[in-house]
PDB file of N, CA and C in Angstrom:
ATOM      1  N   MET A   1      28.495  56.862  -3.829  1.00  0.00           N
ATOM      2  CA  MET A   1      29.457  56.598  -4.871  1.00  0.00           C
ATOM      3  C   MET A   1      29.239  57.602  -5.997  1.00  0.00           C
ATOM      4  N   ALA A   2      30.319  58.113  -6.510  1.00  0.00           N
ATOM      5  CA  ALA A   2      30.256  59.103  -7.578  1.00  0.00           C
ATOM      6  C   ALA A   2      29.794  58.447  -8.871  1.00  0.00           C
ATOM      7  N   LYS A   3      29.024  59.208  -9.625  1.00  0.00           N
ATOM      8  CA  LYS A   3      28.586  58.698 -10.921  1.00  0.00           C
ATOM      9  C   LYS A   3      29.728  58.799 -11.914  1.00  0.00           C
ATOM     10  N   VAL A   4      29.854  57.783 -12.744  1.00  0.00           N
ATOM     11  CA  VAL A   4      30.924  57.741 -13.729  1.00  0.00           C
ATOM     12  C   VAL A   4      30.285  57.695 -15.108  1.00  0.00           C
ATOM     13  N   ASN A   5      30.746  58.563 -15.991  1.00  0.00           N
ATOM     14  CA  ASN A   5      30.250  58.576 -17.358  1.00  0.00           C
ATOM     15  C   ASN A   5      31.186  57.694 -18.187  1.00  0.00           C
ATOM     16  N   LEU A   6      30.760  56.468 -18.440  1.00  0.00           N
ATOM     17  CA  LEU A   6      31.606  55.500 -19.128  1.00  0.00           C
ATOM     18  C   LEU A   6      31.919  55.898 -20.566  1.00  0.00           C
ATOM     19  N   SER A   7      31.020  56.620 -21.193  1.00  0.00           N
ATOM     20  CA  SER A   7      31.225  56.967 -22.602  1.00  0.00           C
ATOM     21  C   SER A   7      32.369  57.966 -22.801  1.00  0.00           C
ATOM     22  N   THR A   8      32.740  58.689 -21.745  1.00  0.00           N
ATOM     23  CA  THR A   8      33.833  59.661 -21.880  1.00  0.00           C
ATOM     24  C   THR A   8      35.176  59.089 -21.430  1.00  0.00           C
ATOM     25  N   MET A   9      35.192  57.872 -20.892  1.00  0.00           N
ATOM     26  CA  MET A   9      36.434  57.278 -20.394  1.00  0.00           C
ATOM     27  C   MET A   9      37.222  56.618 -21.527  1.00  0.00           C
ATOM     28  N   ASN A  10      38.556  56.703 -21.447  1.00  0.00           N
ATOM     29  CA  ASN A  10      39.377  56.027 -22.450  1.00  0.00           C
ATOM     30  C   ASN A  10      39.513  54.546 -22.075  1.00  0.00           C
ATOM     31  N   VAL A  11      40.116  53.764 -22.938  1.00  0.00           N
ATOM     32  CA  VAL A  11      40.214  52.311 -22.770  1.00  0.00           C
ATOM     33  C   VAL A  11      40.985  51.951 -21.498  1.00  0.00           C
ATOM     34  N   GLN A  12      42.090  52.644 -21.256  1.00  0.00           N
ATOM     35  CA  GLN A  12      42.895  52.323 -20.074  1.00  0.00           C
ATOM     36  C   GLN A  12      42.110  52.578 -18.790  1.00  0.00           C
ATOM     37  N   SER A  13      41.370  53.682 -18.757  1.00  0.00           N
ATOM     38  CA  SER A  13      40.558  53.988 -17.577  1.00  0.00           C
ATOM     39  C   SER A  13      39.473  52.934 -17.375  1.00  0.00           C
ATOM     40  N   LEU A  14      38.868  52.499 -18.460  1.00  0.00           N
ATOM     41  CA  LEU A  14      37.848  51.452 -18.368  1.00  0.00           C
ATOM     42  C   LEU A  14      38.437  50.142 -17.849  1.00  0.00           C
ATOM     43  N   MET A  15      39.636  49.806 -18.340  1.00  0.00           N
ATOM     44  CA  MET A  15      40.303  48.575 -17.888  1.00  0.00           C
ATOM     45  C   MET A  15      40.635  48.652 -16.402  1.00  0.00           C
ATOM     46  N   ASP A  16      41.102  49.825 -15.946  1.00  0.00           N
ATOM     47  CA  ASP A  16      41.404  50.009 -14.528  1.00  0.00           C
ATOM     48  C   ASP A  16      40.136  49.881 -13.672  1.00  0.00           C
ATOM     49  N   LEU A  17      39.060  50.481 -14.157  1.00  0.00           N
ATOM     50  CA  LEU A  17      37.787  50.391 -13.444  1.00  0.00           C
ATOM     51  C   LEU A  17      37.320  48.940 -13.366  1.00  0.00           C
ATOM     52  N   ARG A  18      37.463  48.236 -14.452  1.00  0.00           N
ATOM     53  CA  ARG A  18      37.065  46.820 -14.484  1.00  0.00           C
ATOM     54  C   ARG A  18      37.877  46.013 -13.472  1.00  0.00           C
ATOM     55  N   LYS A  19      39.167  46.282 -13.398  1.00  0.00           N
ATOM     56  CA  LYS A  19      40.029  45.576 -12.450  1.00  0.00           C
ATOM     57  C   LYS A  19      39.584  45.854 -11.013  1.00  0.00           C
ATOM     58  N   ARG A  20      39.283  47.106 -10.704  1.00  0.00           N
ATOM     59  CA  ARG A  20      38.836  47.471  -9.356  1.00  0.00           C
ATOM     60  C   ARG A  20      37.509  46.799  -9.022  1.00  0.00           C
ATOM     61  N   ILE A  21      36.615  46.736 -10.001  1.00  0.00           N
ATOM     62  CA  ILE A  21      35.316  46.081  -9.784  1.00  0.00           C
ATOM     63  C   ILE A  21      35.511  44.597  -9.509  1.00  0.00           C
ATOM     64  N   ASP A  22      36.355  43.939 -10.303  1.00  0.00           N
ATOM     65  CA  ASP A  22      36.630  42.513 -10.098  1.00  0.00           C
ATOM     66  C   ASP A  22      37.214  42.244  -8.713  1.00  0.00           C
ATOM     67  N   GLU A  23      38.142  43.111  -8.277  1.00  0.00           N
ATOM     68  CA  GLU A  23      38.736  42.945  -6.953  1.00  0.00           C
ATOM     69  C   GLU A  23      37.688  43.095  -5.858  1.00  0.00           C
ATOM     70  N   ARG A  24      36.830  44.085  -6.010  1.00  0.00           N
ATOM     71  CA  ARG A  24      35.776  44.327  -4.998  1.00  0.00           C
ATOM     72  C   ARG A  24      34.790  43.163  -4.961  1.00  0.00           C
ATOM     73  N   LEU A  25      34.416  42.646  -6.121  1.00  0.00           N
ATOM     74  CA  LEU A  25      33.504  41.501  -6.174  1.00  0.00           C
ATOM     75  C   LEU A  25      34.133  40.272  -5.507  1.00  0.00           C
ATOM     76  N   ALA A  26      35.425  40.070  -5.713  1.00  0.00           N
ATOM     77  CA  ALA A  26      36.120  38.948  -5.081  1.00  0.00           C
ATOM     78  C   ALA A  26      36.097  39.095  -3.561  1.00  0.00           C
ATOM     79  N   GLU A  27      36.296  40.325  -3.070  1.00  0.00           N
ATOM     80  CA  GLU A  27      36.239  40.576  -1.627  1.00  0.00           C
ATOM     81  C   GLU A  27      34.850  40.264  -1.083  1.00  0.00           C
ATOM     82  N   CYS A  28      33.832  40.713  -1.783  1.00  0.00           N
ATOM     83  CA  CYS A  28      32.448  40.470  -1.346  1.00  0.00           C
ATOM     84  C   CYS A  28      32.136  38.973  -1.332  1.00  0.00           C
ATOM     85  N   ARG A  29      32.600  38.279  -2.341  1.00  0.00           N
ATOM     86  CA  ARG A  29      32.356  36.842  -2.420  1.00  0.00           C
ATOM     87  C   ARG A  29      33.006  36.119  -1.237  1.00  0.00           C
ATOM     88  N   THR A  30      34.257  36.484  -0.932  1.00  0.00           N
ATOM     89  CA  THR A  30      34.961  35.868   0.186  1.00  0.00           C
ATOM     90  C   THR A  30      34.209  36.107   1.493  1.00  0.00           C
ATOM     91  N   GLU A  31      33.753  37.325   1.690  1.00  0.00           N
ATOM     92  CA  GLU A  31      33.013  37.660   2.905  1.00  0.00           C
ATOM     93  C   GLU A  31      31.705  36.872   2.992  1.00  0.00           C
ATOM     94  N   MET A  32      30.994  36.761   1.896  1.00  0.00           N
ATOM     95  CA  MET A  32      29.735  36.009   1.892  1.00  0.00           C
ATOM     96  C   MET A  32      29.973  34.526   2.155  1.00  0.00           C
ATOM     97  N   GLU A  33      31.044  33.972   1.593  1.00  0.00           N
ATOM     98  CA  GLU A  33      31.359  32.561   1.841  1.00  0.00           C
ATOM     99  C   GLU A  33      31.672  32.329   3.311  1.00  0.00           C
ATOM    100  N   LYS A  34      32.368  33.274   3.948  1.00  0.00           N
ATOM    101  CA  LYS A  34      32.644  33.167   5.377  1.00  0.00           C
ATOM    102  C   LYS A  34      31.347  33.189   6.176  1.00  0.00           C
ATOM    103  N   GLN A  35      30.438  34.082   5.819  1.00  0.00           N
ATOM    104  CA  GLN A  35      29.161  34.184   6.525  1.00  0.00           C
ATOM    105  C   GLN A  35      28.345  32.906   6.355  1.00  0.00           C
ATOM    106  N   LEU A  36      28.320  32.361   5.147  1.00  0.00           N
ATOM    107  CA  LEU A  36      27.572  31.123   4.912  1.00  0.00           C
ATOM    108  C   LEU A  36      28.170  29.958   5.692  1.00  0.00           C
ATOM    109  N   ALA A  37      29.489  29.882   5.746  1.00  0.00           N
ATOM    110  CA  ALA A  37      30.137  28.819   6.501  1.00  0.00           C
ATOM    111  C   ALA A  37      29.798  28.952   7.977  1.00  0.00           C
ATOM    112  N   GLU A  38      29.790  30.160   8.487  1.00  0.00           N
ATOM    113  CA  GLU A  38      29.454  30.395   9.886  1.00  0.00           C
ATOM    114  C   GLU A  38      27.999  30.004  10.155  1.00  0.00           C
ATOM    115  N   MET A  39      27.119  30.329   9.245  1.00  0.00           N
ATOM    116  CA  MET A  39      25.705  29.964   9.410  1.00  0.00           C
ATOM    117  C   MET A  39      25.546  28.451   9.425  1.00  0.00           C
ATOM    118  N   GLY A  40      26.327  27.752   8.623  1.00  0.00           N
ATOM    119  CA  GLY A  40      26.267  26.298   8.596  1.00  0.00           C
ATOM    120  C   GLY A  40      26.708  25.705   9.916  1.00  0.00           C
ATOM    121  N   ARG A  41      27.708  26.293  10.550  1.00  0.00           N
ATOM    122  CA  ARG A  41      28.189  25.800  11.848  1.00  0.00           C
ATOM    123  C   ARG A  41      27.183  26.081  12.944  1.00  0.00           C
ATOM    124  N   ILE A  42      26.511  27.205  12.879  1.00  0.00           N
ATOM    125  CA  ILE A  42      25.520  27.561  13.898  1.00  0.00           C
ATOM    126  C   ILE A  42      24.336  26.606  13.828  1.00  0.00           C
ATOM    127  N   GLY A  43      23.936  26.227  12.631  1.00  0.00           N
ATOM    128  CA  GLY A  43      22.784  25.345  12.459  1.00  0.00           C
ATOM    129  C   GLY A  43      23.057  23.912  12.871  1.00  0.00           C
ATOM    130  N   GLY A  44      24.306  23.569  13.151  1.00  0.00           N
ATOM    131  CA  GLY A  44      24.612  22.222  13.588  1.00  0.00           C
ATOM    132  C   GLY A  44      25.099  21.317  12.478  1.00  0.00           C
ATOM    133  N   GLU A  45      24.846  21.669  11.253  1.00  0.00           N
ATOM    134  CA  GLU A  45      25.302  20.871  10.116  1.00  0.00           C
ATOM    135  C   GLU A  45      26.192  21.727   9.236  1.00  0.00           C
ATOM    136  N   PRO A  46      27.218  21.131   8.648  1.00  0.00           N
ATOM    137  CA  PRO A  46      28.031  21.907   7.722  1.00  0.00           C
ATOM    138  C   PRO A  46      27.224  22.310   6.499  1.00  0.00           C
ATOM    139  N   ALA A  47      27.560  23.451   5.960  1.00  0.00           N
ATOM    140  CA  ALA A  47      26.851  23.924   4.763  1.00  0.00           C
ATOM    141  C   ALA A  47      27.123  22.973   3.609  1.00  0.00           C
ATOM    142  N   ARG A  48      26.064  22.673   2.830  1.00  0.00           N
ATOM    143  CA  ARG A  48      26.202  21.752   1.706  1.00  0.00           C
ATOM    144  C   ARG A  48      25.957  22.453   0.390  1.00  0.00           C
ATOM    145  N   GLY A  49      26.338  23.663   0.271  1.00  0.00           N
ATOM    146  CA  GLY A  49      26.188  24.374  -0.997  1.00  0.00           C
ATOM    147  C   GLY A  49      24.755  24.767  -1.281  1.00  0.00           C
ATOM    148  N   GLY A  50      23.899  24.784  -0.266  1.00  0.00           N
ATOM    149  CA  GLY A  50      22.525  25.213  -0.455  1.00  0.00           C
ATOM    150  C   GLY A  50      21.601  24.136  -0.999  1.00  0.00           C
ATOM    151  N   ARG A  51      22.111  22.951  -1.290  1.00  0.00           N
ATOM    152  CA  ARG A  51      21.253  21.892  -1.819  1.00  0.00           C
ATOM    153  C   ARG A  51      20.806  20.984  -0.693  1.00  0.00           C
ATOM    154  N   ARG A  52      19.581  20.616  -0.727  1.00  0.00           N
ATOM    155  CA  ARG A  52      19.043  19.687   0.248  1.00  0.00           C
ATOM    156  C   ARG A  52      18.349  18.571  -0.504  1.00  0.00           C
ATOM    157  N   GLY A  53      18.397  17.403   0.068  1.00  0.00           N
ATOM    158  CA  GLY A  53      17.736  16.265  -0.551  1.00  0.00           C
ATOM    159  C   GLY A  53      16.235  16.358  -0.395  1.00  0.00           C
ATOM    160  N   SER A  54      15.527  15.620  -1.182  1.00  0.00           N
ATOM    161  CA  SER A  54      14.084  15.590  -1.100  1.00  0.00           C
ATOM    162  C   SER A  54      13.654  14.935   0.199  1.00  0.00           C
ATOM    163  N   ALA A  55      12.585  15.422   0.786  1.00  0.00           N
ATOM    164  CA  ALA A  55      12.066  14.832   2.015  1.00  0.00           C
ATOM    165  C   ALA A  55      11.521  13.431   1.750  1.00  0.00           C
ATOM    166  N   LEU A  56      11.177  13.133   0.502  1.00  0.00           N
ATOM    167  CA  LEU A  56      10.607  11.829   0.160  1.00  0.00           C
ATOM    168  C   LEU A  56      11.664  10.821  -0.271  1.00  0.00           C
ATOM    169  N   LYS A  57      12.893  11.263  -0.467  1.00  0.00           N
ATOM    170  CA  LYS A  57      13.929  10.371  -0.969  1.00  0.00           C
ATOM    171  C   LYS A  57      14.166   9.233   0.016  1.00  0.00           C
ATOM    172  N   GLY A  58      14.120   8.021  -0.505  1.00  0.00           N
ATOM    173  CA  GLY A  58      14.370   6.847   0.315  1.00  0.00           C
ATOM    174  C   GLY A  58      13.151   6.317   1.041  1.00  0.00           C
ATOM    175  N   LYS A  59      12.040   7.006   0.979  1.00  0.00           N
ATOM    176  CA  LYS A  59      10.818   6.555   1.640  1.00  0.00           C
ATOM    177  C   LYS A  59      10.120   5.521   0.770  1.00  0.00           C
ATOM    178  N   LYS A  60       9.602   4.481   1.396  1.00  0.00           N
ATOM    179  CA  LYS A  60       8.850   3.458   0.675  1.00  0.00           C
ATOM    180  C   LYS A  60       7.435   3.959   0.433  1.00  0.00           C
ATOM    181  N   VAL A  61       6.926   3.673  -0.752  1.00  0.00           N
ATOM    182  CA  VAL A  61       5.549   4.020  -1.073  1.00  0.00           C
ATOM    183  C   VAL A  61       4.867   2.767  -1.614  1.00  0.00           C
ATOM    184  N   ALA A  62       3.568   2.750  -1.507  1.00  0.00           N
ATOM    185  CA  ALA A  62       2.803   1.601  -1.994  1.00  0.00           C
ATOM    186  C   ALA A  62       2.906   1.514  -3.511  1.00  0.00           C
ATOM    187  N   PRO A  63       2.918   0.297  -4.061  1.00  0.00           N
ATOM    188  CA  PRO A  63       2.979   0.166  -5.516  1.00  0.00           C
ATOM    189  C   PRO A  63       1.732   0.730  -6.173  1.00  0.00           C
ATOM    190  N   LYS A  64       1.926   1.306  -7.332  1.00  0.00           N
ATOM    191  CA  LYS A  64       0.833   1.921  -8.083  1.00  0.00           C
ATOM    192  C   LYS A  64       0.477   1.092  -9.318  1.00  0.00           C
ATOM    193  N   TYR A  65       1.463   0.325  -9.811  1.00  0.00           N
ATOM    194  CA  TYR A  65       1.262  -0.473 -11.024  1.00  0.00           C
ATOM    195  C   TYR A  65       1.681  -1.914 -10.764  1.00  0.00           C
ATOM    196  N   ARG A  66       0.960  -2.872 -11.392  1.00  0.00           N
ATOM    197  CA  ARG A  66       1.298  -4.283 -11.266  1.00  0.00           C
ATOM    198  C   ARG A  66       1.233  -4.944 -12.637  1.00  0.00           C
ATOM    199  N   SER A  67       2.272  -5.745 -12.929  1.00  0.00           N
ATOM    200  CA  SER A  67       2.308  -6.461 -14.204  1.00  0.00           C
ATOM    201  C   SER A  67       1.488  -7.745 -14.080  1.00  0.00           C
ATOM    202  N   PRO A  68       1.115  -8.355 -15.208  1.00  0.00           N
ATOM    203  CA  PRO A  68       0.379  -9.621 -15.153  1.00  0.00           C
ATOM    204  C   PRO A  68       1.164 -10.713 -14.422  1.00  0.00           C
ATOM    205  N   SER A  69       2.489 -10.629 -14.416  1.00  0.00           N
ATOM    206  CA  SER A  69       3.291 -11.642 -13.733  1.00  0.00           C
ATOM    207  C   SER A  69       3.496 -11.318 -12.251  1.00  0.00           C
ATOM    208  N   GLY A  70       2.946 -10.200 -11.773  1.00  0.00           N
ATOM    209  CA  GLY A  70       3.001  -9.869 -10.358  1.00  0.00           C
ATOM    210  C   GLY A  70       4.046  -8.835  -9.966  1.00  0.00           C
ATOM    211  N   GLU A  71       4.875  -8.399 -10.911  1.00  0.00           N
ATOM    212  CA  GLU A  71       5.873  -7.377 -10.586  1.00  0.00           C
ATOM    213  C   GLU A  71       5.162  -6.051 -10.328  1.00  0.00           C
ATOM    214  N   THR A  72       5.715  -5.260  -9.414  1.00  0.00           N
ATOM    215  CA  THR A  72       5.079  -3.984  -9.077  1.00  0.00           C
ATOM    216  C   THR A  72       6.044  -2.834  -9.269  1.00  0.00           C
ATOM    217  N   TRP A  73       5.470  -1.645  -9.387  1.00  0.00           N
ATOM    218  CA  TRP A  73       6.233  -0.419  -9.527  1.00  0.00           C
ATOM    219  C   TRP A  73       5.431   0.701  -8.891  1.00  0.00           C
ATOM    220  N   ALA A  74       6.099   1.548  -8.118  1.00  0.00           N
ATOM    221  CA  ALA A  74       5.423   2.636  -7.411  1.00  0.00           C
ATOM    222  C   ALA A  74       5.217   3.869  -8.290  1.00  0.00           C
ATOM    223  N   GLY A  75       5.794   3.877  -9.476  1.00  0.00           N
ATOM    224  CA  GLY A  75       5.639   5.039 -10.347  1.00  0.00           C
ATOM    225  C   GLY A  75       6.739   6.054 -10.148  1.00  0.00           C
ATOM    226  N   ARG A  76       7.742   5.714  -9.351  1.00  0.00           N
ATOM    227  CA  ARG A  76       8.874   6.604  -9.104  1.00  0.00           C
ATOM    228  C   ARG A  76      10.085   6.141  -9.891  1.00  0.00           C
ATOM    229  N   GLY A  77      10.901   7.067 -10.272  1.00  0.00           N
ATOM    230  CA  GLY A  77      12.146   6.725 -10.948  1.00  0.00           C
ATOM    231  C   GLY A  77      11.922   6.242 -12.365  1.00  0.00           C
ATOM    232  N   ALA A  78      12.933   5.563 -12.896  1.00  0.00           N
ATOM    233  CA  ALA A  78      12.869   5.065 -14.269  1.00  0.00           C
ATOM    234  C   ALA A  78      11.832   3.953 -14.379  1.00  0.00           C
ATOM    235  N   LYS A  79      11.223   3.853 -15.548  1.00  0.00           N
ATOM    236  CA  LYS A  79      10.235   2.802 -15.780  1.00  0.00           C
ATOM    237  C   LYS A  79      10.936   1.446 -15.839  1.00  0.00           C
ATOM    238  N   PRO A  80      10.361   0.454 -15.168  1.00  0.00           N
ATOM    239  CA  PRO A  80      10.960  -0.884 -15.238  1.00  0.00           C
ATOM    240  C   PRO A  80      10.851  -1.455 -16.647  1.00  0.00           C
ATOM    241  N   ARG A  81      11.658  -2.458 -16.918  1.00  0.00           N
ATOM    242  CA  ARG A  81      11.677  -3.063 -18.254  1.00  0.00           C
ATOM    243  C   ARG A  81      10.318  -3.608 -18.652  1.00  0.00           C
ATOM    244  N   TRP A  82       9.591  -4.198 -17.707  1.00  0.00           N
ATOM    245  CA  TRP A  82       8.297  -4.768 -18.073  1.00  0.00           C
ATOM    246  C   TRP A  82       7.310  -3.690 -18.504  1.00  0.00           C
ATOM    247  N   VAL A  83       7.429  -2.482 -17.932  1.00  0.00           N
ATOM    248  CA  VAL A  83       6.549  -1.380 -18.340  1.00  0.00           C
ATOM    249  C   VAL A  83       6.937  -0.901 -19.739  1.00  0.00           C
ATOM    250  N   VAL A  84       8.226  -0.734 -19.969  1.00  0.00           N
ATOM    251  CA  VAL A  84       8.701  -0.271 -21.270  1.00  0.00           C
ATOM    252  C   VAL A  84       8.294  -1.261 -22.364  1.00  0.00           C
ATOM    253  N   ALA A  85       8.471  -2.551 -22.089  1.00  0.00           N
ATOM    254  CA  ALA A  85       8.114  -3.576 -23.074  1.00  0.00           C
ATOM    255  C   ALA A  85       6.613  -3.564 -23.365  1.00  0.00           C
ATOM    256  N   ALA A  86       5.806  -3.408 -22.332  1.00  0.00           N
ATOM    257  CA  ALA A  86       4.351  -3.392 -22.512  1.00  0.00           C
ATOM    258  C   ALA A  86       3.916  -2.176 -23.325  1.00  0.00           C
ATOM    259  N   ILE A  87       4.527  -1.041 -23.072  1.00  0.00           N
ATOM    260  CA  ILE A  87       4.177   0.172 -23.830  1.00  0.00           C
ATOM    261  C   ILE A  87       4.552   0.003 -25.290  1.00  0.00           C
ATOM    262  N   LYS A  88       5.699  -0.637 -25.560  1.00  0.00           N
ATOM    263  CA  LYS A  88       6.096  -0.891 -26.945  1.00  0.00           C
ATOM    264  C   LYS A  88       5.102  -1.813 -27.645  1.00  0.00           C
ATOM    265  N   GLU A  89       4.480  -2.711 -26.878  1.00  0.00           N
ATOM    266  CA  GLU A  89       3.485  -3.617 -27.446  1.00  0.00           C
ATOM    267  C   GLU A  89       2.149  -2.933 -27.693  1.00  0.00           C
ATOM    268  N   GLY A  90       2.021  -1.674 -27.253  1.00  0.00           N
ATOM    269  CA  GLY A  90       0.798  -0.920 -27.508  1.00  0.00           C
ATOM    270  C   GLY A  90      -0.100  -0.764 -26.293  1.00  0.00           C
ATOM    271  N   LYS A  91       0.296  -1.285 -25.150  1.00  0.00           N
ATOM    272  CA  LYS A  91      -0.521  -1.130 -23.947  1.00  0.00           C
ATOM    273  C   LYS A  91      -0.267   0.239 -23.347  1.00  0.00           C
ATOM    274  N   LYS A  92      -1.182   0.636 -22.479  1.00  0.00           N
ATOM    275  CA  LYS A  92      -1.068   1.920 -21.812  1.00  0.00           C
ATOM    276  C   LYS A  92      -0.711   1.695 -20.348  1.00  0.00           C
ATOM    277  N   LEU A  93      -0.093   2.671 -19.762  1.00  0.00           N
ATOM    278  CA  LEU A  93       0.302   2.586 -18.361  1.00  0.00           C
ATOM    279  C   LEU A  93      -0.917   2.392 -17.464  1.00  0.00           C
ATOM    280  N   ASP A  94      -2.039   2.987 -17.846  1.00  0.00           N
ATOM    281  CA  ASP A  94      -3.272   2.858 -17.063  1.00  0.00           C
ATOM    282  C   ASP A  94      -3.781   1.418 -17.014  1.00  0.00           C
ATOM    283  N   ASP A  95      -3.369   0.585 -17.962  1.00  0.00           N
ATOM    284  CA  ASP A  95      -3.794  -0.810 -17.960  1.00  0.00           C
ATOM    285  C   ASP A  95      -3.239  -1.566 -16.757  1.00  0.00           C
ATOM    286  N   PHE A  96      -2.183  -1.057 -16.140  1.00  0.00           N
ATOM    287  CA  PHE A  96      -1.520  -1.739 -15.042  1.00  0.00           C
ATOM    288  C   PHE A  96      -1.790  -1.106 -13.680  1.00  0.00           C
ATOM    289  N   LEU A  97      -2.656  -0.106 -13.645  1.00  0.00           N
ATOM    290  CA  LEU A  97      -2.957   0.571 -12.383  1.00  0.00           C
ATOM    291  C   LEU A  97      -3.553  -0.398 -11.366  1.00  0.00           C
ATOM    292  N   ILE A  98      -3.126  -0.270 -10.127  1.00  0.00           N
ATOM    293  CA  ILE A  98      -3.702  -1.048  -9.033  1.00  0.00           C
ATOM    294  C   ILE A  98      -4.795  -0.183  -8.423  1.00  0.00           C
ATOM    295  N   GLU A  99      -5.946  -0.770  -8.126  1.00  0.00           N
ATOM    296  CA  GLU A  99      -7.033   0.002  -7.534  1.00  0.00           C
ATOM    297  C   GLU A  99      -6.586   0.559  -6.186  1.00  0.00           C
ATOM    298  N   LYS A 100      -7.049   1.755  -5.874  1.00  0.00           N
ATOM    299  CA  LYS A 100      -6.647   2.388  -4.625  1.00  0.00           C
ATOM    300  C   LYS A 100      -7.038   1.548  -3.418  1.00  0.00           C
ATOM    301  N   SER A 101      -8.187   0.934  -3.441  1.00  0.00           N
ATOM    302  CA  SER A 101      -8.631   0.152  -2.292  1.00  0.00           C
ATOM    303  C   SER A 101      -7.780  -1.102  -2.097  1.00  0.00           C
ATOM    304  N   ALA A 102      -7.117  -1.566  -3.163  1.00  0.00           N
ATOM    305  CA  ALA A 102      -6.300  -2.775  -3.072  1.00  0.00           C
ATOM    306  C   ALA A 102      -4.866  -2.484  -2.654  1.00  0.00           C
ATOM    307  N   ARG A 103      -4.466  -1.222  -2.688  1.00  0.00           N
ATOM    308  CA  ARG A 103      -3.098  -0.877  -2.323  1.00  0.00           C
ATOM    309  C   ARG A 103      -2.900  -1.048  -0.818  1.00  0.00           C
ATOM    310  N   LYS A 104      -1.784  -1.642  -0.467  1.00  0.00           N
ATOM    311  CA  LYS A 104      -1.474  -1.826   0.949  1.00  0.00           C
ATOM    312  C   LYS A 104      -0.585  -0.689   1.419  1.00  0.00           C
ATOM    313  N   GLY A 105      -0.719  -0.363   2.675  1.00  0.00           N
ATOM    314  CA  GLY A 105       0.177   0.622   3.254  1.00  0.00           C
ATOM    315  C   GLY A 105      -0.214   2.063   2.994  1.00  0.00           C
ATOM    316  N   ARG A 106      -1.305   2.274   2.321  1.00  0.00           N
ATOM    317  CA  ARG A 106      -1.718   3.644   2.046  1.00  0.00           C
ATOM    318  C   ARG A 106      -2.684   4.097   3.129  1.00  0.00           C
ATOM    319  N   ARG A 107      -2.387   5.208   3.736  1.00  0.00           N
ATOM    320  CA  ARG A 107      -3.267   5.773   4.742  1.00  0.00           C
ATOM    321  C   ARG A 107      -3.623   7.181   4.329  1.00  0.00           C
ATOM    322  N   LYS A 108      -4.853   7.556   4.610  1.00  0.00           N
ATOM    323  CA  LYS A 108      -5.268   8.914   4.306  1.00  0.00           C
ATOM    324  C   LYS A 108      -4.677   9.841   5.375  1.00  0.00           C
ATOM    325  N   ARG A 109      -4.254  11.004   4.958  1.00  0.00           N
ATOM    326  CA  ARG A 109      -3.749  11.980   5.900  1.00  0.00           C
ATOM    327  C   ARG A 109      -4.906  12.626   6.614  1.00  0.00           C
ATOM    328  N   ARG A 110      -4.714  12.827   7.876  1.00  0.00           N
ATOM    329  CA  ARG A 110      -5.756  13.517   8.638  1.00  0.00           C
ATOM    330  C   ARG A 110      -5.593  15.007   8.505  1.00  0.00           C
ATOM    331  N   SER A 111      -6.671  15.682   8.452  1.00  0.00           N
ATOM    332  CA  SER A 111      -6.649  17.121   8.395  1.00  0.00           C
ATOM    333  C   SER A 111      -6.277  17.660   9.769  1.00  0.00           C
ATOM    334  N   LYS A 112      -5.513  18.728   9.822  1.00  0.00           N
ATOM    335  CA  LYS A 112      -5.088  19.299  11.105  1.00  0.00           C
ATOM    336  C   LYS A 112      -6.116  20.268  11.659  1.00  0.00           C
ATOM    337  N   HIS A 113      -7.273  20.334  11.050  1.00  0.00           N
ATOM    338  CA  HIS A 113      -8.297  21.285  11.515  1.00  0.00           C
ATOM    339  C   HIS A 113      -9.130  20.696  12.591  1.00  0.00           C
TER     340      HIS A 113
END
């Protein structure tokens, strides 16, 4: 591509160049979208805009915190009302921690070595 000295170009020439650049970028975008759509079909799933959900989303985890009344919370998502109320009263989140040995459903991962 030839080098262009923008400082010597008049306004009309710059506007024409800008229009040509915009048209070329639109062509490139269309081509890339076609390629991405084709890649989505090859993979077996339609393309979802490049976003994927978390691998942990929807998985149950053992509770990490327990209130004096027996309510539990795994520490995911928004804090439950009982946690918010307790913190306002001056308690700390660590006051409600469940001991690791008492948690049910927790298994240690085995090393692959």
